[in-house]
N, C-alpha and C. Protein backbone atom coordinates (compact mmCIF):
# COMPACT_ATOMS: atom_id res chain seq x y z
N UNK A 1 -8.43 53.49 -1.30
CA UNK A 1 -9.63 53.50 -2.12
C UNK A 1 -9.71 52.18 -2.89
N UNK A 2 -10.90 51.62 -2.97
CA UNK A 2 -11.09 50.34 -3.63
C UNK A 2 -11.08 50.44 -5.14
N UNK A 3 -10.89 49.31 -5.77
CA UNK A 3 -10.87 49.24 -7.23
C UNK A 3 -12.29 49.34 -7.76
N UNK A 4 -12.49 50.02 -8.87
CA UNK A 4 -13.81 50.17 -9.49
C UNK A 4 -13.99 49.12 -10.58
N UNK A 5 -15.14 48.48 -10.56
CA UNK A 5 -15.46 47.48 -11.58
C UNK A 5 -16.69 47.92 -12.34
N UNK A 6 -16.69 47.69 -13.63
CA UNK A 6 -17.86 47.99 -14.44
C UNK A 6 -18.84 46.83 -14.39
N UNK A 7 -20.11 47.13 -14.55
CA UNK A 7 -21.18 46.12 -14.48
C UNK A 7 -20.93 45.00 -15.50
N UNK A 8 -20.59 45.37 -16.72
CA UNK A 8 -20.38 44.39 -17.78
C UNK A 8 -19.27 43.40 -17.40
N UNK A 9 -18.19 43.92 -16.84
CA UNK A 9 -17.06 43.07 -16.45
C UNK A 9 -17.44 42.14 -15.30
N UNK A 10 -18.19 42.67 -14.33
CA UNK A 10 -18.64 41.84 -13.21
C UNK A 10 -19.50 40.67 -13.71
N UNK A 11 -20.42 40.99 -14.61
CA UNK A 11 -21.31 39.96 -15.15
C UNK A 11 -20.52 38.92 -15.93
N UNK A 12 -19.57 39.35 -16.77
CA UNK A 12 -18.77 38.41 -17.54
C UNK A 12 -17.96 37.48 -16.64
N UNK A 13 -17.38 38.03 -15.58
CA UNK A 13 -16.58 37.21 -14.66
C UNK A 13 -17.47 36.21 -13.92
N UNK A 14 -18.68 36.63 -13.57
CA UNK A 14 -19.61 35.72 -12.88
C UNK A 14 -20.03 34.58 -13.82
N UNK A 15 -20.28 34.90 -15.08
CA UNK A 15 -20.64 33.88 -16.06
C UNK A 15 -19.49 32.90 -16.28
N UNK A 16 -18.27 33.42 -16.38
CA UNK A 16 -17.11 32.54 -16.57
C UNK A 16 -16.94 31.61 -15.37
N UNK A 17 -17.12 32.14 -14.18
CA UNK A 17 -16.98 31.33 -12.97
C UNK A 17 -18.06 30.24 -12.93
N UNK A 18 -19.28 30.57 -13.38
CA UNK A 18 -20.37 29.60 -13.40
C UNK A 18 -20.02 28.44 -14.34
N UNK A 19 -19.47 28.74 -15.50
CA UNK A 19 -19.09 27.69 -16.44
C UNK A 19 -17.93 26.88 -15.87
N UNK A 20 -16.99 27.56 -15.26
CA UNK A 20 -15.82 26.89 -14.67
C UNK A 20 -16.23 25.93 -13.56
N UNK A 21 -17.16 26.37 -12.69
CA UNK A 21 -17.59 25.55 -11.55
C UNK A 21 -18.66 24.53 -11.93
N UNK A 22 -19.42 24.83 -12.97
CA UNK A 22 -20.51 23.94 -13.36
C UNK A 22 -21.73 24.11 -12.47
N UNK A 23 -21.82 25.23 -11.80
CA UNK A 23 -22.94 25.53 -10.90
C UNK A 23 -23.02 27.03 -10.72
N UNK A 24 -24.07 27.48 -10.04
CA UNK A 24 -24.19 28.90 -9.76
C UNK A 24 -23.16 29.25 -8.69
N UNK A 25 -22.27 30.18 -8.99
CA UNK A 25 -21.24 30.53 -7.99
C UNK A 25 -21.84 31.23 -6.79
N UNK A 26 -21.25 31.00 -5.65
CA UNK A 26 -21.63 31.70 -4.43
C UNK A 26 -20.63 32.82 -4.18
N UNK A 27 -20.94 33.70 -3.24
CA UNK A 27 -20.02 34.80 -2.95
C UNK A 27 -18.62 34.31 -2.59
N UNK A 28 -18.56 33.16 -1.91
CA UNK A 28 -17.26 32.62 -1.49
C UNK A 28 -16.41 32.15 -2.66
N UNK A 29 -17.01 31.96 -3.84
CA UNK A 29 -16.28 31.50 -5.02
C UNK A 29 -15.57 32.62 -5.76
N UNK A 30 -15.98 33.84 -5.50
CA UNK A 30 -15.44 34.97 -6.26
C UNK A 30 -14.25 35.59 -5.53
N UNK A 31 -13.10 35.61 -6.22
CA UNK A 31 -11.88 36.15 -5.64
C UNK A 31 -11.47 37.43 -6.38
N UNK A 32 -11.44 37.37 -7.71
CA UNK A 32 -11.10 38.56 -8.48
C UNK A 32 -12.06 38.69 -9.64
N UNK A 33 -13.00 39.57 -9.63
CA UNK A 33 -13.29 40.54 -8.58
C UNK A 33 -13.92 39.87 -7.35
N UNK A 34 -13.71 40.46 -6.19
CA UNK A 34 -14.23 39.85 -4.96
C UNK A 34 -15.75 40.01 -4.84
N UNK A 35 -16.35 39.17 -4.00
CA UNK A 35 -17.79 39.23 -3.79
C UNK A 35 -18.22 40.61 -3.31
N UNK A 36 -17.35 41.27 -2.59
CA UNK A 36 -17.65 42.61 -2.07
C UNK A 36 -17.96 43.59 -3.22
N UNK A 37 -17.28 43.43 -4.34
CA UNK A 37 -17.53 44.29 -5.50
C UNK A 37 -18.93 44.05 -6.05
N UNK A 38 -19.34 42.78 -6.10
CA UNK A 38 -20.69 42.43 -6.58
C UNK A 38 -21.75 42.98 -5.64
N UNK A 39 -21.52 42.80 -4.34
CA UNK A 39 -22.50 43.26 -3.36
C UNK A 39 -22.57 44.78 -3.34
N UNK A 40 -21.46 45.44 -3.56
CA UNK A 40 -21.46 46.89 -3.63
C UNK A 40 -22.25 47.41 -4.83
N UNK A 41 -22.18 46.69 -5.92
CA UNK A 41 -22.86 47.12 -7.14
C UNK A 41 -24.33 46.67 -7.17
N UNK A 42 -24.57 45.38 -6.84
CA UNK A 42 -25.91 44.81 -6.98
C UNK A 42 -26.71 44.77 -5.67
N UNK A 43 -26.05 44.98 -4.54
CA UNK A 43 -26.64 44.99 -3.19
C UNK A 43 -26.96 43.59 -2.67
N UNK A 44 -27.43 42.69 -3.51
CA UNK A 44 -27.72 41.30 -3.10
C UNK A 44 -27.09 40.36 -4.11
N UNK A 45 -26.60 39.23 -3.62
CA UNK A 45 -25.94 38.25 -4.49
C UNK A 45 -26.90 37.72 -5.54
N UNK A 46 -28.14 37.48 -5.14
CA UNK A 46 -29.14 36.94 -6.08
C UNK A 46 -29.35 37.87 -7.27
N UNK A 47 -29.28 39.19 -7.01
CA UNK A 47 -29.44 40.16 -8.10
C UNK A 47 -28.27 40.07 -9.08
N UNK A 48 -27.08 39.85 -8.57
CA UNK A 48 -25.90 39.71 -9.44
C UNK A 48 -26.05 38.47 -10.32
N UNK A 49 -26.48 37.37 -9.72
CA UNK A 49 -26.66 36.12 -10.47
C UNK A 49 -27.75 36.29 -11.53
N UNK A 50 -28.83 36.96 -11.14
CA UNK A 50 -29.92 37.20 -12.09
C UNK A 50 -29.46 38.10 -13.24
N UNK A 51 -28.70 39.14 -12.91
CA UNK A 51 -28.20 40.05 -13.95
C UNK A 51 -27.27 39.33 -14.92
N UNK A 52 -26.56 38.32 -14.42
CA UNK A 52 -25.67 37.54 -15.27
C UNK A 52 -26.43 36.51 -16.10
N UNK A 53 -27.71 36.33 -15.80
CA UNK A 53 -28.54 35.40 -16.57
C UNK A 53 -28.20 33.94 -16.32
N UNK A 54 -27.70 33.66 -15.13
CA UNK A 54 -27.30 32.29 -14.80
C UNK A 54 -28.46 31.59 -14.11
N UNK A 55 -28.83 30.42 -14.63
CA UNK A 55 -29.85 29.61 -13.96
C UNK A 55 -29.33 28.18 -13.89
N UNK A 56 -29.75 27.47 -12.87
CA UNK A 56 -29.27 26.10 -12.67
C UNK A 56 -29.66 25.21 -13.86
N UNK A 57 -30.87 25.37 -14.38
CA UNK A 57 -31.31 24.50 -15.48
C UNK A 57 -30.50 24.76 -16.74
N UNK A 58 -30.28 26.01 -17.08
CA UNK A 58 -29.49 26.32 -18.29
C UNK A 58 -28.04 25.89 -18.09
N UNK A 59 -27.54 26.04 -16.87
CA UNK A 59 -26.17 25.67 -16.58
C UNK A 59 -25.98 24.16 -16.69
N UNK A 60 -26.93 23.39 -16.17
CA UNK A 60 -26.85 21.93 -16.26
C UNK A 60 -26.86 21.48 -17.72
N UNK A 61 -27.66 22.12 -18.55
CA UNK A 61 -27.70 21.75 -19.96
C UNK A 61 -26.38 22.06 -20.64
N UNK A 62 -25.75 23.17 -20.29
CA UNK A 62 -24.50 23.51 -20.95
C UNK A 62 -23.40 22.55 -20.56
N UNK A 63 -23.49 21.97 -19.39
CA UNK A 63 -22.45 21.06 -18.93
C UNK A 63 -22.51 19.71 -19.61
N UNK A 64 -23.70 19.26 -19.96
CA UNK A 64 -23.81 17.91 -20.50
C UNK A 64 -23.80 17.87 -22.02
N UNK A 65 -23.94 18.98 -22.67
CA UNK A 65 -23.86 19.00 -24.12
C UNK A 65 -22.41 18.92 -24.54
N UNK A 66 -22.16 18.21 -25.61
CA UNK A 66 -20.79 18.12 -26.10
C UNK A 66 -20.37 19.44 -26.73
N UNK A 67 -21.30 20.11 -27.39
CA UNK A 67 -21.01 21.40 -28.01
C UNK A 67 -21.45 22.50 -27.05
N UNK A 68 -20.77 22.59 -25.91
CA UNK A 68 -21.14 23.56 -24.88
C UNK A 68 -21.14 24.96 -25.45
N UNK A 69 -22.20 25.73 -25.18
CA UNK A 69 -22.29 27.07 -25.73
C UNK A 69 -21.29 28.03 -25.09
N UNK A 70 -21.10 29.14 -25.75
CA UNK A 70 -20.22 30.18 -25.25
C UNK A 70 -20.86 30.81 -24.02
N UNK A 71 -20.07 31.48 -23.20
CA UNK A 71 -20.55 32.07 -21.95
C UNK A 71 -21.78 32.92 -22.16
N UNK A 72 -21.83 33.68 -23.24
CA UNK A 72 -22.97 34.58 -23.47
C UNK A 72 -24.26 33.82 -23.73
N UNK A 73 -24.19 32.52 -24.02
CA UNK A 73 -25.39 31.74 -24.29
C UNK A 73 -25.95 31.07 -23.05
N UNK A 74 -25.38 31.30 -21.89
CA UNK A 74 -25.86 30.67 -20.66
C UNK A 74 -27.31 31.02 -20.40
N UNK A 75 -27.69 32.25 -20.64
CA UNK A 75 -29.03 32.71 -20.31
C UNK A 75 -30.02 32.44 -21.43
N UNK A 76 -30.09 31.20 -21.89
CA UNK A 76 -31.08 30.84 -22.89
C UNK A 76 -32.46 30.98 -22.29
N UNK A 77 -33.42 31.47 -23.06
CA UNK A 77 -34.77 31.54 -22.53
C UNK A 77 -35.28 30.15 -22.16
N UNK A 78 -36.11 30.09 -21.15
CA UNK A 78 -36.61 28.81 -20.65
C UNK A 78 -37.33 28.03 -21.75
N UNK A 79 -38.11 28.75 -22.59
CA UNK A 79 -38.84 28.04 -23.64
C UNK A 79 -37.88 27.45 -24.69
N UNK A 80 -36.75 28.09 -24.92
CA UNK A 80 -35.78 27.55 -25.88
C UNK A 80 -35.16 26.28 -25.32
N UNK A 81 -34.91 26.26 -24.02
CA UNK A 81 -34.35 25.07 -23.39
C UNK A 81 -35.38 23.95 -23.39
N UNK A 82 -36.65 24.28 -23.09
CA UNK A 82 -37.70 23.28 -23.02
C UNK A 82 -37.99 22.67 -24.39
N UNK A 83 -37.83 23.44 -25.46
CA UNK A 83 -38.14 22.95 -26.81
C UNK A 83 -36.92 22.42 -27.53
N UNK A 84 -35.83 22.20 -26.82
CA UNK A 84 -34.61 21.69 -27.42
C UNK A 84 -34.88 20.31 -28.01
N UNK A 85 -34.71 20.13 -29.32
CA UNK A 85 -35.04 18.86 -29.95
C UNK A 85 -34.09 17.72 -29.55
N UNK A 86 -32.86 18.04 -29.14
CA UNK A 86 -31.92 16.99 -28.79
C UNK A 86 -32.16 16.53 -27.35
N UNK A 87 -32.36 15.23 -27.13
CA UNK A 87 -32.46 14.78 -25.75
C UNK A 87 -31.08 14.89 -25.10
N UNK A 88 -31.04 15.42 -23.91
CA UNK A 88 -29.77 15.62 -23.23
C UNK A 88 -29.62 14.53 -22.18
N UNK A 89 -28.59 13.74 -22.34
CA UNK A 89 -28.33 12.65 -21.39
C UNK A 89 -27.42 13.18 -20.30
N UNK A 90 -27.91 13.15 -19.04
CA UNK A 90 -27.11 13.66 -17.95
C UNK A 90 -26.19 12.56 -17.44
N UNK A 91 -24.91 12.83 -17.53
CA UNK A 91 -23.93 11.90 -17.00
C UNK A 91 -23.11 12.61 -15.95
N UNK A 92 -23.08 12.06 -14.76
CA UNK A 92 -22.35 12.67 -13.66
C UNK A 92 -20.90 12.21 -13.70
N UNK A 93 -19.99 13.09 -13.31
CA UNK A 93 -18.60 12.67 -13.20
C UNK A 93 -18.50 11.55 -12.17
N UNK A 94 -17.50 10.69 -12.33
CA UNK A 94 -17.37 9.55 -11.43
C UNK A 94 -17.31 10.01 -9.98
N UNK A 95 -18.07 9.32 -9.11
CA UNK A 95 -18.06 9.62 -7.70
C UNK A 95 -18.96 10.79 -7.31
N UNK A 96 -19.62 11.41 -8.26
CA UNK A 96 -20.50 12.53 -7.97
C UNK A 96 -21.91 12.15 -8.35
N UNK A 97 -22.86 12.65 -7.60
CA UNK A 97 -24.25 12.32 -7.84
C UNK A 97 -24.97 13.53 -8.43
N UNK A 98 -25.88 13.30 -9.35
CA UNK A 98 -26.68 14.36 -9.95
C UNK A 98 -28.02 14.42 -9.24
N UNK A 99 -28.49 15.61 -9.01
CA UNK A 99 -29.79 15.81 -8.38
C UNK A 99 -30.65 16.68 -9.28
N UNK A 100 -31.92 16.75 -8.96
CA UNK A 100 -32.80 17.74 -9.55
C UNK A 100 -33.48 18.42 -8.37
N UNK A 101 -34.08 19.54 -8.64
CA UNK A 101 -34.74 20.29 -7.58
C UNK A 101 -35.84 19.44 -6.94
N UNK A 102 -36.58 18.68 -7.75
CA UNK A 102 -37.67 17.87 -7.20
C UNK A 102 -37.12 16.71 -6.35
N UNK A 103 -35.99 16.15 -6.73
CA UNK A 103 -35.39 15.07 -5.93
C UNK A 103 -34.91 15.62 -4.60
N UNK A 104 -34.25 16.77 -4.63
CA UNK A 104 -33.79 17.39 -3.38
C UNK A 104 -34.97 17.73 -2.49
N UNK A 105 -36.04 18.27 -3.09
CA UNK A 105 -37.25 18.60 -2.32
C UNK A 105 -37.78 17.37 -1.62
N UNK A 106 -37.89 16.26 -2.35
CA UNK A 106 -38.43 15.04 -1.76
C UNK A 106 -37.52 14.50 -0.66
N UNK A 107 -36.21 14.54 -0.88
CA UNK A 107 -35.27 14.05 0.12
C UNK A 107 -35.35 14.88 1.40
N UNK A 108 -35.43 16.19 1.26
CA UNK A 108 -35.53 17.06 2.43
C UNK A 108 -36.87 16.88 3.14
N UNK A 109 -37.94 16.70 2.37
CA UNK A 109 -39.25 16.44 2.99
C UNK A 109 -39.24 15.13 3.77
N UNK A 110 -38.63 14.10 3.21
CA UNK A 110 -38.53 12.81 3.92
C UNK A 110 -37.78 12.96 5.23
N UNK A 111 -36.68 13.73 5.19
CA UNK A 111 -35.89 13.96 6.40
C UNK A 111 -36.69 14.80 7.41
N UNK A 112 -37.45 15.76 6.91
CA UNK A 112 -38.31 16.59 7.76
C UNK A 112 -39.33 15.71 8.49
N UNK A 113 -39.95 14.79 7.74
CA UNK A 113 -40.95 13.89 8.34
C UNK A 113 -40.29 12.93 9.31
N UNK A 114 -39.11 12.44 8.99
CA UNK A 114 -38.41 11.49 9.86
C UNK A 114 -38.04 12.14 11.19
N UNK A 115 -37.54 13.37 11.13
CA UNK A 115 -37.11 14.06 12.35
C UNK A 115 -38.26 14.75 13.08
N UNK A 116 -39.32 15.08 12.34
CA UNK A 116 -40.43 15.81 12.94
C UNK A 116 -40.14 17.29 13.06
N UNK A 117 -39.08 17.75 12.42
CA UNK A 117 -38.70 19.16 12.42
C UNK A 117 -37.80 19.41 11.21
N UNK A 118 -37.55 20.70 10.94
CA UNK A 118 -36.62 21.03 9.85
C UNK A 118 -35.21 20.66 10.31
N UNK A 119 -34.50 19.87 9.53
CA UNK A 119 -33.11 19.57 9.91
C UNK A 119 -32.24 20.82 9.81
N UNK A 120 -31.30 20.94 10.71
CA UNK A 120 -30.37 22.07 10.70
C UNK A 120 -29.34 21.87 9.59
N UNK A 121 -28.57 22.91 9.31
CA UNK A 121 -27.50 22.80 8.32
C UNK A 121 -26.53 21.68 8.69
N UNK A 122 -26.19 21.60 9.97
CA UNK A 122 -25.26 20.56 10.42
C UNK A 122 -25.86 19.17 10.23
N UNK A 123 -27.14 19.02 10.52
CA UNK A 123 -27.80 17.71 10.36
C UNK A 123 -27.85 17.30 8.89
N UNK A 124 -28.11 18.26 8.02
CA UNK A 124 -28.15 17.96 6.59
C UNK A 124 -26.78 17.53 6.10
N UNK A 125 -25.75 18.30 6.46
CA UNK A 125 -24.39 17.98 6.00
C UNK A 125 -23.88 16.68 6.62
N UNK A 126 -24.32 16.34 7.84
CA UNK A 126 -23.86 15.12 8.50
C UNK A 126 -24.50 13.87 7.90
N UNK A 127 -25.69 14.01 7.31
CA UNK A 127 -26.41 12.87 6.73
C UNK A 127 -25.87 12.61 5.32
N UNK A 128 -25.16 11.51 5.16
CA UNK A 128 -24.53 11.18 3.88
C UNK A 128 -25.54 10.79 2.80
N UNK A 129 -26.81 10.56 3.20
CA UNK A 129 -27.85 10.22 2.23
C UNK A 129 -28.49 11.46 1.62
N UNK A 130 -28.15 12.63 2.15
CA UNK A 130 -28.71 13.89 1.64
C UNK A 130 -27.63 14.66 0.89
N UNK A 131 -28.06 15.49 -0.06
CA UNK A 131 -27.08 16.38 -0.69
C UNK A 131 -26.61 17.40 0.34
N UNK A 132 -25.46 17.98 0.12
CA UNK A 132 -24.94 18.97 1.06
C UNK A 132 -25.81 20.23 1.04
N UNK A 133 -25.67 21.03 2.07
CA UNK A 133 -26.42 22.28 2.15
C UNK A 133 -26.08 23.16 0.94
N UNK A 134 -24.81 23.23 0.58
CA UNK A 134 -24.43 24.09 -0.56
C UNK A 134 -25.07 23.59 -1.86
N UNK A 135 -25.20 22.28 -2.03
CA UNK A 135 -25.88 21.74 -3.21
C UNK A 135 -27.34 22.17 -3.22
N UNK A 136 -28.00 22.07 -2.07
CA UNK A 136 -29.40 22.49 -1.96
C UNK A 136 -29.54 23.97 -2.31
N UNK A 137 -28.67 24.78 -1.76
CA UNK A 137 -28.72 26.23 -2.01
C UNK A 137 -28.53 26.52 -3.49
N UNK A 138 -27.62 25.81 -4.14
CA UNK A 138 -27.38 26.02 -5.57
C UNK A 138 -28.61 25.69 -6.40
N UNK A 139 -29.24 24.56 -6.13
CA UNK A 139 -30.40 24.15 -6.92
C UNK A 139 -31.59 25.08 -6.70
N UNK A 140 -31.69 25.68 -5.51
CA UNK A 140 -32.80 26.58 -5.22
C UNK A 140 -32.43 28.03 -5.53
N UNK A 141 -31.19 28.28 -5.93
CA UNK A 141 -30.78 29.61 -6.34
C UNK A 141 -30.83 30.63 -5.22
N UNK A 142 -30.38 30.25 -4.04
CA UNK A 142 -30.39 31.15 -2.90
C UNK A 142 -29.13 30.94 -2.06
N UNK A 143 -28.96 31.79 -1.08
CA UNK A 143 -27.83 31.64 -0.16
C UNK A 143 -28.31 31.35 1.26
N UNK A 144 -29.61 31.20 1.44
CA UNK A 144 -30.17 30.95 2.77
C UNK A 144 -30.97 29.64 2.78
N UNK A 145 -30.67 28.77 3.75
CA UNK A 145 -31.40 27.51 3.85
C UNK A 145 -32.86 27.76 4.22
N UNK A 146 -33.12 28.86 4.91
CA UNK A 146 -34.50 29.23 5.26
C UNK A 146 -35.35 29.45 4.02
N UNK A 147 -34.75 30.04 2.97
CA UNK A 147 -35.48 30.25 1.72
C UNK A 147 -35.81 28.91 1.05
N UNK A 148 -34.91 27.95 1.17
CA UNK A 148 -35.15 26.61 0.62
C UNK A 148 -36.36 26.00 1.32
N UNK A 149 -36.35 26.07 2.66
CA UNK A 149 -37.47 25.50 3.42
C UNK A 149 -38.78 26.23 3.12
N UNK A 150 -38.73 27.54 2.97
CA UNK A 150 -39.94 28.29 2.64
C UNK A 150 -40.54 27.78 1.33
N UNK A 151 -39.69 27.55 0.34
CA UNK A 151 -40.16 27.08 -0.96
C UNK A 151 -40.69 25.65 -0.89
N UNK A 152 -40.00 24.80 -0.13
CA UNK A 152 -40.43 23.41 -0.02
C UNK A 152 -41.75 23.29 0.72
N UNK A 153 -41.86 24.00 1.82
CA UNK A 153 -43.03 23.84 2.70
C UNK A 153 -44.25 24.65 2.26
N UNK A 154 -44.08 25.57 1.31
CA UNK A 154 -45.23 26.35 0.86
C UNK A 154 -46.28 25.48 0.16
N UNK A 155 -45.83 24.37 -0.42
CA UNK A 155 -46.73 23.48 -1.16
C UNK A 155 -47.47 22.49 -0.26
N UNK A 156 -47.06 22.39 0.99
CA UNK A 156 -47.71 21.43 1.89
C UNK A 156 -49.03 21.90 2.41
């Protein structure tokens, strides 16, 4: 028989992992409790992330502030983040590049136009000028590259 996890504990562990990784964790990032526990409770990974109140924008802000908030403050309301009086200077760790959702969208659209088709996961990861597939998935808050393309191409 499997171990039972409470919702509150699952959410806390997911929030801690998000702060530890500096991004929205994927199912493959969760070891204890395992992703299977989250999927058993929430049915979909996106629901677990949403229940934990983790968003890429709030997470990015917590990483670049010197006075990083406590785990429970990750889910700041969007309007509180937008009205933050302190300008937040984004500094990437050495050797790492920072992206935004709009930059990734433009880069993928350029690649789409260059190839004349949607690039595959392998083509995206092989192109060193593009962010990795996992980076794209994190910024779009999904686990499927098809969902990323749906969001990008809906505006065309």
